[in-house]
Amino acid sequence: MNVSPDLVKIQILEKEYMVACPDNERDELRASVDHLNVKMQEIRNHGKVIGTDRMAVMAALNISHELIQTKGREPQHSPVISARIRALQDKIDAALEQSRQLVL
């Protein structure tokens, strides 16, 4: 659901976030959200990590590990793809930080 031209409502572990995202990057954002949701649900289902912040950190570590493994097997990403990945990571970090501030 879109609220404004630049904001997209996303949901991670049943919690909603508003994320600024250009129209041409929304598909990638939604794919990133889906991937992050899967990773965080896997961590939650194992029951060894308590708290959304800790689950997010563990998911980020797992995703980073996957990325490093992929870099070893495939050619380097182009600078454009690397910039997009960084931008998506920044958006996720900002959404998590905003959520943390709302909880406080």
PDB file of N, CA and C in Angstrom:
ATOM      1  N   MET A   1       0.838  -1.178   0.000  1.00  0.00           N
ATOM      2  CA  MET A   1       0.000   0.000   0.000  1.00  0.00           C
ATOM      3  C   MET A   1       0.885   1.244   0.000  1.00  0.00           C
ATOM      4  N   ASN A   2       0.637   2.109  -0.903  1.00  0.00           N
ATOM      5  CA  ASN A   2       1.422   3.337  -0.989  1.00  0.00           C
ATOM      6  C   ASN A   2       0.657   4.472  -0.326  1.00  0.00           C
ATOM      7  N   VAL A   3       1.369   5.255   0.464  1.00  0.00           N
ATOM      8  CA  VAL A   3       0.747   6.363   1.167  1.00  0.00           C
ATOM      9  C   VAL A   3       0.998   7.674   0.441  1.00  0.00           C
ATOM     10  N   SER A   4       2.194   7.844  -0.098  1.00  0.00           N
ATOM     11  CA  SER A   4       2.533   9.027  -0.887  1.00  0.00           C
ATOM     12  C   SER A   4       3.433   8.570  -2.026  1.00  0.00           C
ATOM     13  N   PRO A   5       3.752   9.464  -2.963  1.00  0.00           N
ATOM     14  CA  PRO A   5       4.565   9.040  -4.110  1.00  0.00           C
ATOM     15  C   PRO A   5       5.924   8.459  -3.717  1.00  0.00           C
ATOM     16  N   ASP A   6       6.488   8.881  -2.589  1.00  0.00           N
ATOM     17  CA  ASP A   6       7.818   8.422  -2.219  1.00  0.00           C
ATOM     18  C   ASP A   6       7.818   7.409  -1.086  1.00  0.00           C
ATOM     19  N   LEU A   7       6.701   7.209  -0.402  1.00  0.00           N
ATOM     20  CA  LEU A   7       6.658   6.314   0.742  1.00  0.00           C
ATOM     21  C   LEU A   7       5.968   5.007   0.392  1.00  0.00           C
ATOM     22  N   VAL A   8       6.530   3.927   0.907  1.00  0.00           N
ATOM     23  CA  VAL A   8       5.955   2.604   0.705  1.00  0.00           C
ATOM     24  C   VAL A   8       5.775   1.978   2.076  1.00  0.00           C
ATOM     25  N   LYS A   9       4.612   1.388   2.304  1.00  0.00           N
ATOM     26  CA  LYS A   9       4.371   0.689   3.556  1.00  0.00           C
ATOM     27  C   LYS A   9       4.866  -0.744   3.381  1.00  0.00           C
ATOM     28  N   ILE A  10       5.759  -1.151   4.276  1.00  0.00           N
ATOM     29  CA  ILE A  10       6.263  -2.517   4.245  1.00  0.00           C
ATOM     30  C   ILE A  10       5.953  -3.173   5.579  1.00  0.00           C
ATOM     31  N   GLN A  11       6.022  -4.491   5.616  1.00  0.00           N
ATOM     32  CA  GLN A  11       5.750  -5.207   6.849  1.00  0.00           C
ATOM     33  C   GLN A  11       6.850  -6.240   7.068  1.00  0.00           C
ATOM     34  N   ILE A  12       7.468  -6.163   8.257  1.00  0.00           N
ATOM     35  CA  ILE A  12       8.507  -7.110   8.642  1.00  0.00           C
ATOM     36  C   ILE A  12       8.094  -7.688   9.987  1.00  0.00           C
ATOM     37  N   LEU A  13       7.954  -9.003  10.033  1.00  0.00           N
ATOM     38  CA  LEU A  13       7.502  -9.689  11.243  1.00  0.00           C
ATOM     39  C   LEU A  13       6.258  -9.043  11.843  1.00  0.00           C
ATOM     40  N   GLU A  14       5.231  -8.919  11.027  1.00  0.00           N
ATOM     41  CA  GLU A  14       3.940  -8.383  11.433  1.00  0.00           C
ATOM     42  C   GLU A  14       3.989  -6.936  11.929  1.00  0.00           C
ATOM     43  N   LYS A  15       5.069  -6.234  11.686  1.00  0.00           N
ATOM     44  CA  LYS A  15       5.185  -4.836  12.089  1.00  0.00           C
ATOM     45  C   LYS A  15       5.329  -3.981  10.835  1.00  0.00           C
ATOM     46  N   GLU A  16       4.574  -2.880  10.774  1.00  0.00           N
ATOM     47  CA  GLU A  16       4.589  -2.032   9.590  1.00  0.00           C
ATOM     48  C   GLU A  16       5.605  -0.903   9.719  1.00  0.00           C
ATOM     49  N   TYR A  17       6.215  -0.575   8.584  1.00  0.00           N
ATOM     50  CA  TYR A  17       7.193   0.506   8.487  1.00  0.00           C
ATOM     51  C   TYR A  17       6.876   1.308   7.237  1.00  0.00           C
ATOM     52  N   MET A  18       7.159   2.599   7.298  1.00  0.00           N
ATOM     53  CA  MET A  18       7.059   3.453   6.123  1.00  0.00           C
ATOM     54  C   MET A  18       8.477   3.718   5.650  1.00  0.00           C
ATOM     55  N   VAL A  19       8.732   3.435   4.373  1.00  0.00           N
ATOM     56  CA  VAL A  19      10.076   3.568   3.826  1.00  0.00           C
ATOM     57  C   VAL A  19      10.002   4.423   2.564  1.00  0.00           C
ATOM     58  N   ALA A  20      10.869   5.429   2.487  1.00  0.00           N
ATOM     59  CA  ALA A  20      10.963   6.238   1.273  1.00  0.00           C
ATOM     60  C   ALA A  20      11.665   5.406   0.213  1.00  0.00           C
ATOM     61  N   CYS A  21      11.085   5.376  -0.973  1.00  0.00           N
ATOM     62  CA  CYS A  21      11.653   4.563  -2.043  1.00  0.00           C
ATOM     63  C   CYS A  21      11.172   5.097  -3.392  1.00  0.00           C
ATOM     64  N   PRO A  22      12.099   5.364  -4.312  1.00  0.00           N
ATOM     65  CA  PRO A  22      11.681   5.795  -5.651  1.00  0.00           C
ATOM     66  C   PRO A  22      10.861   4.695  -6.341  1.00  0.00           C
ATOM     67  N   ASP A  23       9.977   5.101  -7.218  1.00  0.00           N
ATOM     68  CA  ASP A  23       9.123   4.147  -7.935  1.00  0.00           C
ATOM     69  C   ASP A  23       9.925   3.048  -8.616  1.00  0.00           C
ATOM     70  N   ASN A  24      11.046   3.415  -9.215  1.00  0.00           N
ATOM     71  CA  ASN A  24      11.807   2.437  -9.999  1.00  0.00           C
ATOM     72  C   ASN A  24      12.572   1.435  -9.132  1.00  0.00           C
ATOM     73  N   GLU A  25      12.542   1.586  -7.794  1.00  0.00           N
ATOM     74  CA  GLU A  25      13.237   0.651  -6.911  1.00  0.00           C
ATOM     75  C   GLU A  25      12.283  -0.132  -6.016  1.00  0.00           C
ATOM     76  N   ARG A  26      10.998   0.029  -6.211  1.00  0.00           N
ATOM     77  CA  ARG A  26      10.014  -0.607  -5.322  1.00  0.00           C
ATOM     78  C   ARG A  26      10.018  -2.126  -5.431  1.00  0.00           C
ATOM     79  N   ASP A  27      10.199  -2.650  -6.626  1.00  0.00           N
ATOM     80  CA  ASP A  27      10.233  -4.111  -6.764  1.00  0.00           C
ATOM     81  C   ASP A  27      11.413  -4.696  -5.992  1.00  0.00           C
ATOM     82  N   GLU A  28      12.568  -4.028  -6.082  1.00  0.00           N
ATOM     83  CA  GLU A  28      13.740  -4.500  -5.355  1.00  0.00           C
ATOM     84  C   GLU A  28      13.538  -4.379  -3.849  1.00  0.00           C
ATOM     85  N   LEU A  29      12.894  -3.295  -3.420  1.00  0.00           N
ATOM     86  CA  LEU A  29      12.613  -3.116  -1.998  1.00  0.00           C
ATOM     87  C   LEU A  29      11.716  -4.238  -1.500  1.00  0.00           C
ATOM     88  N   ARG A  30      10.661  -4.517  -2.227  1.00  0.00           N
ATOM     89  CA  ARG A  30       9.738  -5.579  -1.809  1.00  0.00           C
ATOM     90  C   ARG A  30      10.434  -6.949  -1.799  1.00  0.00           C
ATOM     91  N   ALA A  31      11.301  -7.203  -2.759  1.00  0.00           N
ATOM     92  CA  ALA A  31      12.062  -8.454  -2.759  1.00  0.00           C
ATOM     93  C   ALA A  31      12.984  -8.514  -1.546  1.00  0.00           C
ATOM     94  N   SER A  32      13.582  -7.393  -1.197  1.00  0.00           N
ATOM     95  CA  SER A  32      14.455  -7.330  -0.021  1.00  0.00           C
ATOM     96  C   SER A  32      13.652  -7.565   1.255  1.00  0.00           C
ATOM     97  N   VAL A  33      12.476  -6.970   1.331  1.00  0.00           N
ATOM     98  CA  VAL A  33      11.602  -7.157   2.488  1.00  0.00           C
ATOM     99  C   VAL A  33      11.224  -8.627   2.615  1.00  0.00           C
ATOM    100  N   ASP A  34      10.860  -9.248   1.510  1.00  0.00           N
ATOM    101  CA  ASP A  34      10.497 -10.666   1.535  1.00  0.00           C
ATOM    102  C   ASP A  34      11.659 -11.516   2.028  1.00  0.00           C
ATOM    103  N   HIS A  35      12.846 -11.244   1.519  1.00  0.00           N
ATOM    104  CA  HIS A  35      14.038 -12.002   1.911  1.00  0.00           C
ATOM    105  C   HIS A  35      14.335 -11.806   3.398  1.00  0.00           C
ATOM    106  N   LEU A  36      14.268 -10.566   3.862  1.00  0.00           N
ATOM    107  CA  LEU A  36      14.521 -10.273   5.268  1.00  0.00           C
ATOM    108  C   LEU A  36      13.477 -10.943   6.155  1.00  0.00           C
ATOM    109  N   ASN A  37      12.232 -10.909   5.743  1.00  0.00           N
ATOM    110  CA  ASN A  37      11.170 -11.563   6.506  1.00  0.00           C
ATOM    111  C   ASN A  37      11.438 -13.050   6.668  1.00  0.00           C
ATOM    112  N   VAL A  38      11.827 -13.692   5.587  1.00  0.00           N
ATOM    113  CA  VAL A  38      12.121 -15.128   5.641  1.00  0.00           C
ATOM    114  C   VAL A  38      13.243 -15.396   6.637  1.00  0.00           C
ATOM    115  N   LYS A  39      14.319 -14.617   6.547  1.00  0.00           N
ATOM    116  CA  LYS A  39      15.466 -14.814   7.444  1.00  0.00           C
ATOM    117  C   LYS A  39      15.074 -14.585   8.900  1.00  0.00           C
ATOM    118  N   MET A  40      14.311 -13.522   9.164  1.00  0.00           N
ATOM    119  CA  MET A  40      13.928 -13.224  10.543  1.00  0.00           C
ATOM    120  C   MET A  40      12.945 -14.262  11.083  1.00  0.00           C
ATOM    121  N   GLN A  41      12.058 -14.764  10.235  1.00  0.00           N
ATOM    122  CA  GLN A  41      11.133 -15.804  10.666  1.00  0.00           C
ATOM    123  C   GLN A  41      11.883 -17.100  10.986  1.00  0.00           C
ATOM    124  N   GLU A  42      12.897 -17.428  10.176  1.00  0.00           N
ATOM    125  CA  GLU A  42      13.712 -18.610  10.454  1.00  0.00           C
ATOM    126  C   GLU A  42      14.374 -18.483  11.828  1.00  0.00           C
ATOM    127  N   ILE A  43      14.921 -17.314  12.114  1.00  0.00           N
ATOM    128  CA  ILE A  43      15.590 -17.082  13.399  1.00  0.00           C
ATOM    129  C   ILE A  43      14.570 -17.154  14.542  1.00  0.00           C
ATOM    130  N   ARG A  44      13.424 -16.515  14.360  1.00  0.00           N
ATOM    131  CA  ARG A  44      12.381 -16.542  15.392  1.00  0.00           C
ATOM    132  C   ARG A  44      11.892 -17.964  15.640  1.00  0.00           C
ATOM    133  N   ASN A  45      11.734 -18.740  14.565  1.00  0.00           N
ATOM    134  CA  ASN A  45      11.214 -20.094  14.705  1.00  0.00           C
ATOM    135  C   ASN A  45      12.189 -21.037  15.410  1.00  0.00           C
ATOM    136  N   HIS A  46      13.478 -20.737  15.319  1.00  0.00           N
ATOM    137  CA  HIS A  46      14.458 -21.551  16.048  1.00  0.00           C
ATOM    138  C   HIS A  46      14.413 -21.249  17.537  1.00  0.00           C
ATOM    139  N   GLY A  47      13.866 -20.091  17.917  1.00  0.00           N
ATOM    140  CA  GLY A  47      13.620 -19.766  19.305  1.00  0.00           C
ATOM    141  C   GLY A  47      14.832 -19.479  20.160  1.00  0.00           C
ATOM    142  N   LYS A  48      15.998 -19.321  19.549  1.00  0.00           N
ATOM    143  CA  LYS A  48      17.198 -19.090  20.353  1.00  0.00           C
ATOM    144  C   LYS A  48      17.530 -17.613  20.504  1.00  0.00           C
ATOM    145  N   VAL A  49      16.879 -16.758  19.731  1.00  0.00           N
ATOM    146  CA  VAL A  49      17.148 -15.322  19.794  1.00  0.00           C
ATOM    147  C   VAL A  49      15.861 -14.618  20.185  1.00  0.00           C
ATOM    148  N   ILE A  50      15.943 -13.811  21.225  1.00  0.00           N
ATOM    149  CA  ILE A  50      14.775 -13.084  21.723  1.00  0.00           C
ATOM    150  C   ILE A  50      14.936 -11.605  21.379  1.00  0.00           C
ATOM    151  N   GLY A  51      13.866 -11.000  20.909  1.00  0.00           N
ATOM    152  CA  GLY A  51      13.864  -9.565  20.621  1.00  0.00           C
ATOM    153  C   GLY A  51      14.051  -9.289  19.142  1.00  0.00           C
ATOM    154  N   THR A  52      13.241  -8.388  18.637  1.00  0.00           N
ATOM    155  CA  THR A  52      13.274  -8.044  17.217  1.00  0.00           C
ATOM    156  C   THR A  52      14.620  -7.469  16.798  1.00  0.00           C
ATOM    157  N   ASP A  53      15.205  -6.620  17.648  1.00  0.00           N
ATOM    158  CA  ASP A  53      16.505  -6.029  17.302  1.00  0.00           C
ATOM    159  C   ASP A  53      17.567  -7.108  17.128  1.00  0.00           C
ATOM    160  N   ARG A  54      17.596  -8.055  18.032  1.00  0.00           N
ATOM    161  CA  ARG A  54      18.589  -9.134  17.949  1.00  0.00           C
ATOM    162  C   ARG A  54      18.333 -10.025  16.738  1.00  0.00           C
ATOM    163  N   MET A  55      17.053 -10.274  16.454  1.00  0.00           N
ATOM    164  CA  MET A  55      16.725 -11.065  15.261  1.00  0.00           C
ATOM    165  C   MET A  55      17.181 -10.329  14.009  1.00  0.00           C
ATOM    166  N   ALA A  56      16.991  -9.004  13.988  1.00  0.00           N
ATOM    167  CA  ALA A  56      17.405  -8.216  12.823  1.00  0.00           C
ATOM    168  C   ALA A  56      18.912  -8.278  12.641  1.00  0.00           C
ATOM    169  N   VAL A  57      19.658  -8.201  13.735  1.00  0.00           N
ATOM    170  CA  VAL A  57      21.117  -8.277  13.644  1.00  0.00           C
ATOM    171  C   VAL A  57      21.535  -9.649  13.139  1.00  0.00           C
ATOM    172  N   MET A  58      20.936 -10.695  13.668  1.00  0.00           N
ATOM    173  CA  MET A  58      21.284 -12.046  13.219  1.00  0.00           C
ATOM    174  C   MET A  58      20.922 -12.242  11.740  1.00  0.00           C
ATOM    175  N   ALA A  59      19.772 -11.715  11.333  1.00  0.00           N
ATOM    176  CA  ALA A  59      19.372 -11.814   9.926  1.00  0.00           C
ATOM    177  C   ALA A  59      20.358 -11.054   9.051  1.00  0.00           C
ATOM    178  N   ALA A  60      20.772  -9.859   9.499  1.00  0.00           N
ATOM    179  CA  ALA A  60      21.745  -9.073   8.733  1.00  0.00           C
ATOM    180  C   ALA A  60      23.064  -9.833   8.603  1.00  0.00           C
ATOM    181  N   LEU A  61      23.492 -10.475   9.685  1.00  0.00           N
ATOM    182  CA  LEU A  61      24.725 -11.268   9.621  1.00  0.00           C
ATOM    183  C   LEU A  61      24.574 -12.435   8.651  1.00  0.00           C
ATOM    184  N   ASN A  62      23.436 -13.109   8.682  1.00  0.00           N
ATOM    185  CA  ASN A  62      23.211 -14.228   7.760  1.00  0.00           C
ATOM    186  C   ASN A  62      23.189 -13.764   6.306  1.00  0.00           C
ATOM    187  N   ILE A  63      22.513 -12.653   6.051  1.00  0.00           N
ATOM    188  CA  ILE A  63      22.435 -12.125   4.692  1.00  0.00           C
ATOM    189  C   ILE A  63      23.814 -11.663   4.228  1.00  0.00           C
ATOM    190  N   SER A  64      24.568 -11.025   5.126  1.00  0.00           N
ATOM    191  CA  SER A  64      25.932 -10.608   4.777  1.00  0.00           C
ATOM    192  C   SER A  64      26.804 -11.814   4.462  1.00  0.00           C
ATOM    193  N   HIS A  65      26.650 -12.858   5.241  1.00  0.00           N
ATOM    194  CA  HIS A  65      27.408 -14.090   5.003  1.00  0.00           C
ATOM    195  C   HIS A  65      27.062 -14.661   3.626  1.00  0.00           C
ATOM    196  N   GLU A  66      25.777 -14.697   3.300  1.00  0.00           N
ATOM    197  CA  GLU A  66      25.355 -15.166   1.970  1.00  0.00           C
ATOM    198  C   GLU A  66      25.988 -14.319   0.872  1.00  0.00           C
ATOM    199  N   LEU A  67      26.004 -13.009   1.067  1.00  0.00           N
ATOM    200  CA  LEU A  67      26.578 -12.103   0.069  1.00  0.00           C
ATOM    201  C   LEU A  67      28.062 -12.378  -0.116  1.00  0.00           C
ATOM    202  N   ILE A  68      28.780 -12.552   0.985  1.00  0.00           N
ATOM    203  CA  ILE A  68      30.216 -12.828   0.903  1.00  0.00           C
ATOM    204  C   ILE A  68      30.465 -14.153   0.190  1.00  0.00           C
ATOM    205  N   GLN A  69      29.662 -15.162   0.500  1.00  0.00           N
ATOM    206  CA  GLN A  69      29.806 -16.445  -0.179  1.00  0.00           C
ATOM    207  C   GLN A  69      29.532 -16.305  -1.671  1.00  0.00           C
ATOM    208  N   THR A  70      28.525 -15.531  -2.019  1.00  0.00           N
ATOM    209  CA  THR A  70      28.176 -15.322  -3.415  1.00  0.00           C
ATOM    210  C   THR A  70      29.287 -14.596  -4.155  1.00  0.00           C
ATOM    211  N   LYS A  71      29.898 -13.616  -3.514  1.00  0.00           N
ATOM    212  CA  LYS A  71      30.993 -12.873  -4.146  1.00  0.00           C
ATOM    213  C   LYS A  71      32.147 -13.806  -4.493  1.00  0.00           C
ATOM    214  N   GLY A  72      32.362 -14.820  -3.675  1.00  0.00           N
ATOM    215  CA  GLY A  72      33.447 -15.756  -3.931  1.00  0.00           C
ATOM    216  C   GLY A  72      33.186 -16.654  -5.130  1.00  0.00           C
ATOM    217  N   ARG A  73      31.923 -16.856  -5.467  1.00  0.00           N
ATOM    218  CA  ARG A  73      31.568 -17.758  -6.560  1.00  0.00           C
ATOM    219  C   ARG A  73      31.242 -17.058  -7.867  1.00  0.00           C
ATOM    220  N   GLU A  74      30.844 -15.814  -7.796  1.00  0.00           N
ATOM    221  CA  GLU A  74      30.402 -15.099  -8.989  1.00  0.00           C
ATOM    222  C   GLU A  74      31.265 -13.867  -9.214  1.00  0.00           C
ATOM    223  N   PRO A  75      31.226 -13.347 -10.421  1.00  0.00           N
ATOM    224  CA  PRO A  75      31.959 -12.101 -10.670  1.00  0.00           C
ATOM    225  C   PRO A  75      31.437 -10.987  -9.767  1.00  0.00           C
ATOM    226  N   GLN A  76      32.265 -10.004  -9.529  1.00  0.00           N
ATOM    227  CA  GLN A  76      31.886  -8.861  -8.696  1.00  0.00           C
ATOM    228  C   GLN A  76      30.658  -8.166  -9.275  1.00  0.00           C
ATOM    229  N   HIS A  77      29.819  -7.645  -8.369  1.00  0.00           N
ATOM    230  CA  HIS A  77      28.671  -6.862  -8.805  1.00  0.00           C
ATOM    231  C   HIS A  77      29.159  -5.573  -9.441  1.00  0.00           C
ATOM    232  N   SER A  78      28.378  -5.088 -10.347  1.00  0.00           N
ATOM    233  CA  SER A  78      28.704  -3.797 -10.932  1.00  0.00           C
ATOM    234  C   SER A  78      28.543  -2.724  -9.860  1.00  0.00           C
ATOM    235  N   PRO A  79      29.182  -1.589 -10.041  1.00  0.00           N
ATOM    236  CA  PRO A  79      29.027  -0.504  -9.058  1.00  0.00           C
ATOM    237  C   PRO A  79      27.567  -0.083  -8.881  1.00  0.00           C
ATOM    238  N   VAL A  80      26.767  -0.175  -9.929  1.00  0.00           N
ATOM    239  CA  VAL A  80      25.356   0.211  -9.840  1.00  0.00           C
ATOM    240  C   VAL A  80      24.608  -0.754  -8.923  1.00  0.00           C
ATOM    241  N   ILE A  81      24.839  -2.045  -9.078  1.00  0.00           N
ATOM    242  CA  ILE A  81      24.171  -3.036  -8.235  1.00  0.00           C
ATOM    243  C   ILE A  81      24.641  -2.902  -6.795  1.00  0.00           C
ATOM    244  N   SER A  82      25.932  -2.707  -6.602  1.00  0.00           N
ATOM    245  CA  SER A  82      26.463  -2.531  -5.246  1.00  0.00           C
ATOM    246  C   SER A  82      25.838  -1.309  -4.574  1.00  0.00           C
ATOM    247  N   ALA A  83      25.677  -0.231  -5.319  1.00  0.00           N
ATOM    248  CA  ALA A  83      25.062   0.986  -4.770  1.00  0.00           C
ATOM    249  C   ALA A  83      23.604   0.727  -4.405  1.00  0.00           C
ATOM    250  N   ARG A  84      22.901  -0.040  -5.213  1.00  0.00           N
ATOM    251  CA  ARG A  84      21.500  -0.349  -4.920  1.00  0.00           C
ATOM    252  C   ARG A  84      21.376  -1.209  -3.673  1.00  0.00           C
ATOM    253  N   ILE A  85      22.273  -2.172  -3.536  1.00  0.00           N
ATOM    254  CA  ILE A  85      22.264  -3.024  -2.347  1.00  0.00           C
ATOM    255  C   ILE A  85      22.512  -2.178  -1.104  1.00  0.00           C
ATOM    256  N   ARG A  86      23.500  -1.292  -1.177  1.00  0.00           N
ATOM    257  CA  ARG A  86      23.790  -0.411  -0.037  1.00  0.00           C
ATOM    258  C   ARG A  86      22.587   0.478   0.277  1.00  0.00           C
ATOM    259  N   ALA A  87      21.941   0.998  -0.759  1.00  0.00           N
ATOM    260  CA  ALA A  87      20.780   1.872  -0.548  1.00  0.00           C
ATOM    261  C   ALA A  87      19.644   1.109   0.129  1.00  0.00           C
ATOM    262  N   LEU A  88      19.411  -0.119  -0.298  1.00  0.00           N
ATOM    263  CA  LEU A  88      18.361  -0.932   0.328  1.00  0.00           C
ATOM    264  C   LEU A  88      18.718  -1.264   1.774  1.00  0.00           C
ATOM    265  N   GLN A  89      19.982  -1.577   2.024  1.00  0.00           N
ATOM    266  CA  GLN A  89      20.410  -1.842   3.400  1.00  0.00           C
ATOM    267  C   GLN A  89      20.211  -0.606   4.267  1.00  0.00           C
ATOM    268  N   ASP A  90      20.520   0.560   3.728  1.00  0.00           N
ATOM    269  CA  ASP A  90      20.336   1.811   4.469  1.00  0.00           C
ATOM    270  C   ASP A  90      18.859   2.042   4.780  1.00  0.00           C
ATOM    271  N   LYS A  91      17.984   1.738   3.827  1.00  0.00           N
ATOM    272  CA  LYS A  91      16.550   1.916   4.043  1.00  0.00           C
ATOM    273  C   LYS A  91      16.043   0.986   5.139  1.00  0.00           C
ATOM    274  N   ILE A  92      16.515  -0.247   5.122  1.00  0.00           N
ATOM    275  CA  ILE A  92      16.108  -1.204   6.153  1.00  0.00           C
ATOM    276  C   ILE A  92      16.621  -0.746   7.511  1.00  0.00           C
ATOM    277  N   ASP A  93      17.876  -0.316   7.565  1.00  0.00           N
ATOM    278  CA  ASP A  93      18.449   0.188   8.818  1.00  0.00           C
ATOM    279  C   ASP A  93      17.647   1.383   9.335  1.00  0.00           C
ATOM    280  N   ALA A  94      17.283   2.292   8.449  1.00  0.00           N
ATOM    281  CA  ALA A  94      16.522   3.482   8.846  1.00  0.00           C
ATOM    282  C   ALA A  94      15.144   3.092   9.373  1.00  0.00           C
ATOM    283  N   ALA A  95      14.495   2.123   8.721  1.00  0.00           N
ATOM    284  CA  ALA A  95      13.178   1.678   9.177  1.00  0.00           C
ATOM    285  C   ALA A  95      13.277   1.024  10.547  1.00  0.00           C
ATOM    286  N   LEU A  96      14.296   0.214  10.760  1.00  0.00           N
ATOM    287  CA  LEU A  96      14.478  -0.416  12.065  1.00  0.00           C
ATOM    288  C   LEU A  96      14.787   0.621  13.137  1.00  0.00           C
ATOM    289  N   GLU A  97      15.593   1.616  12.803  1.00  0.00           N
ATOM    290  CA  GLU A  97      15.918   2.673  13.760  1.00  0.00           C
ATOM    291  C   GLU A  97      14.667   3.482  14.108  1.00  0.00           C
ATOM    292  N   GLN A  98      13.856   3.782  13.106  1.00  0.00           N
ATOM    293  CA  GLN A  98      12.622   4.526  13.351  1.00  0.00           C
ATOM    294  C   GLN A  98      11.703   3.716  14.260  1.00  0.00           C
ATOM    295  N   SER A  99      11.625   2.418  14.028  1.00  0.00           N
ATOM    296  CA  SER A  99      10.801   1.560  14.857  1.00  0.00           C
ATOM    297  C   SER A  99      11.316   1.549  16.289  1.00  0.00           C
ATOM    298  N   ARG A 100      12.621   1.491  16.442  1.00  0.00           N
ATOM    299  CA  ARG A 100      13.231   1.484  17.765  1.00  0.00           C
ATOM    300  C   ARG A 100      12.886   2.773  18.500  1.00  0.00           C
ATOM    301  N   GLN A 101      12.889   3.909  17.784  1.00  0.00           N
ATOM    302  CA  GLN A 101      12.584   5.189  18.405  1.00  0.00           C
ATOM    303  C   GLN A 101      11.108   5.268  18.805  1.00  0.00           C
ATOM    304  N   LEU A 102      10.230   4.649  18.007  1.00  0.00           N
ATOM    305  CA  LEU A 102       8.813   4.654  18.342  1.00  0.00           C
ATOM    306  C   LEU A 102       8.533   3.836  19.586  1.00  0.00           C
ATOM    307  N   VAL A 103       9.291   2.771  19.776  1.00  0.00           N
ATOM    308  CA  VAL A 103       9.122   1.929  20.948  1.00  0.00           C
ATOM    309  C   VAL A 103       9.561   2.657  22.204  1.00  0.00           C
ATOM    310  N   LEU A 104      10.618   3.451  22.093  1.00  0.00           N
ATOM    311  CA  LEU A 104      11.119   4.200  23.250  1.00  0.00           C
ATOM    312  C   LEU A 104      10.089   5.224  23.640  1.00  0.00           C
TER     313      LEU A 104
END
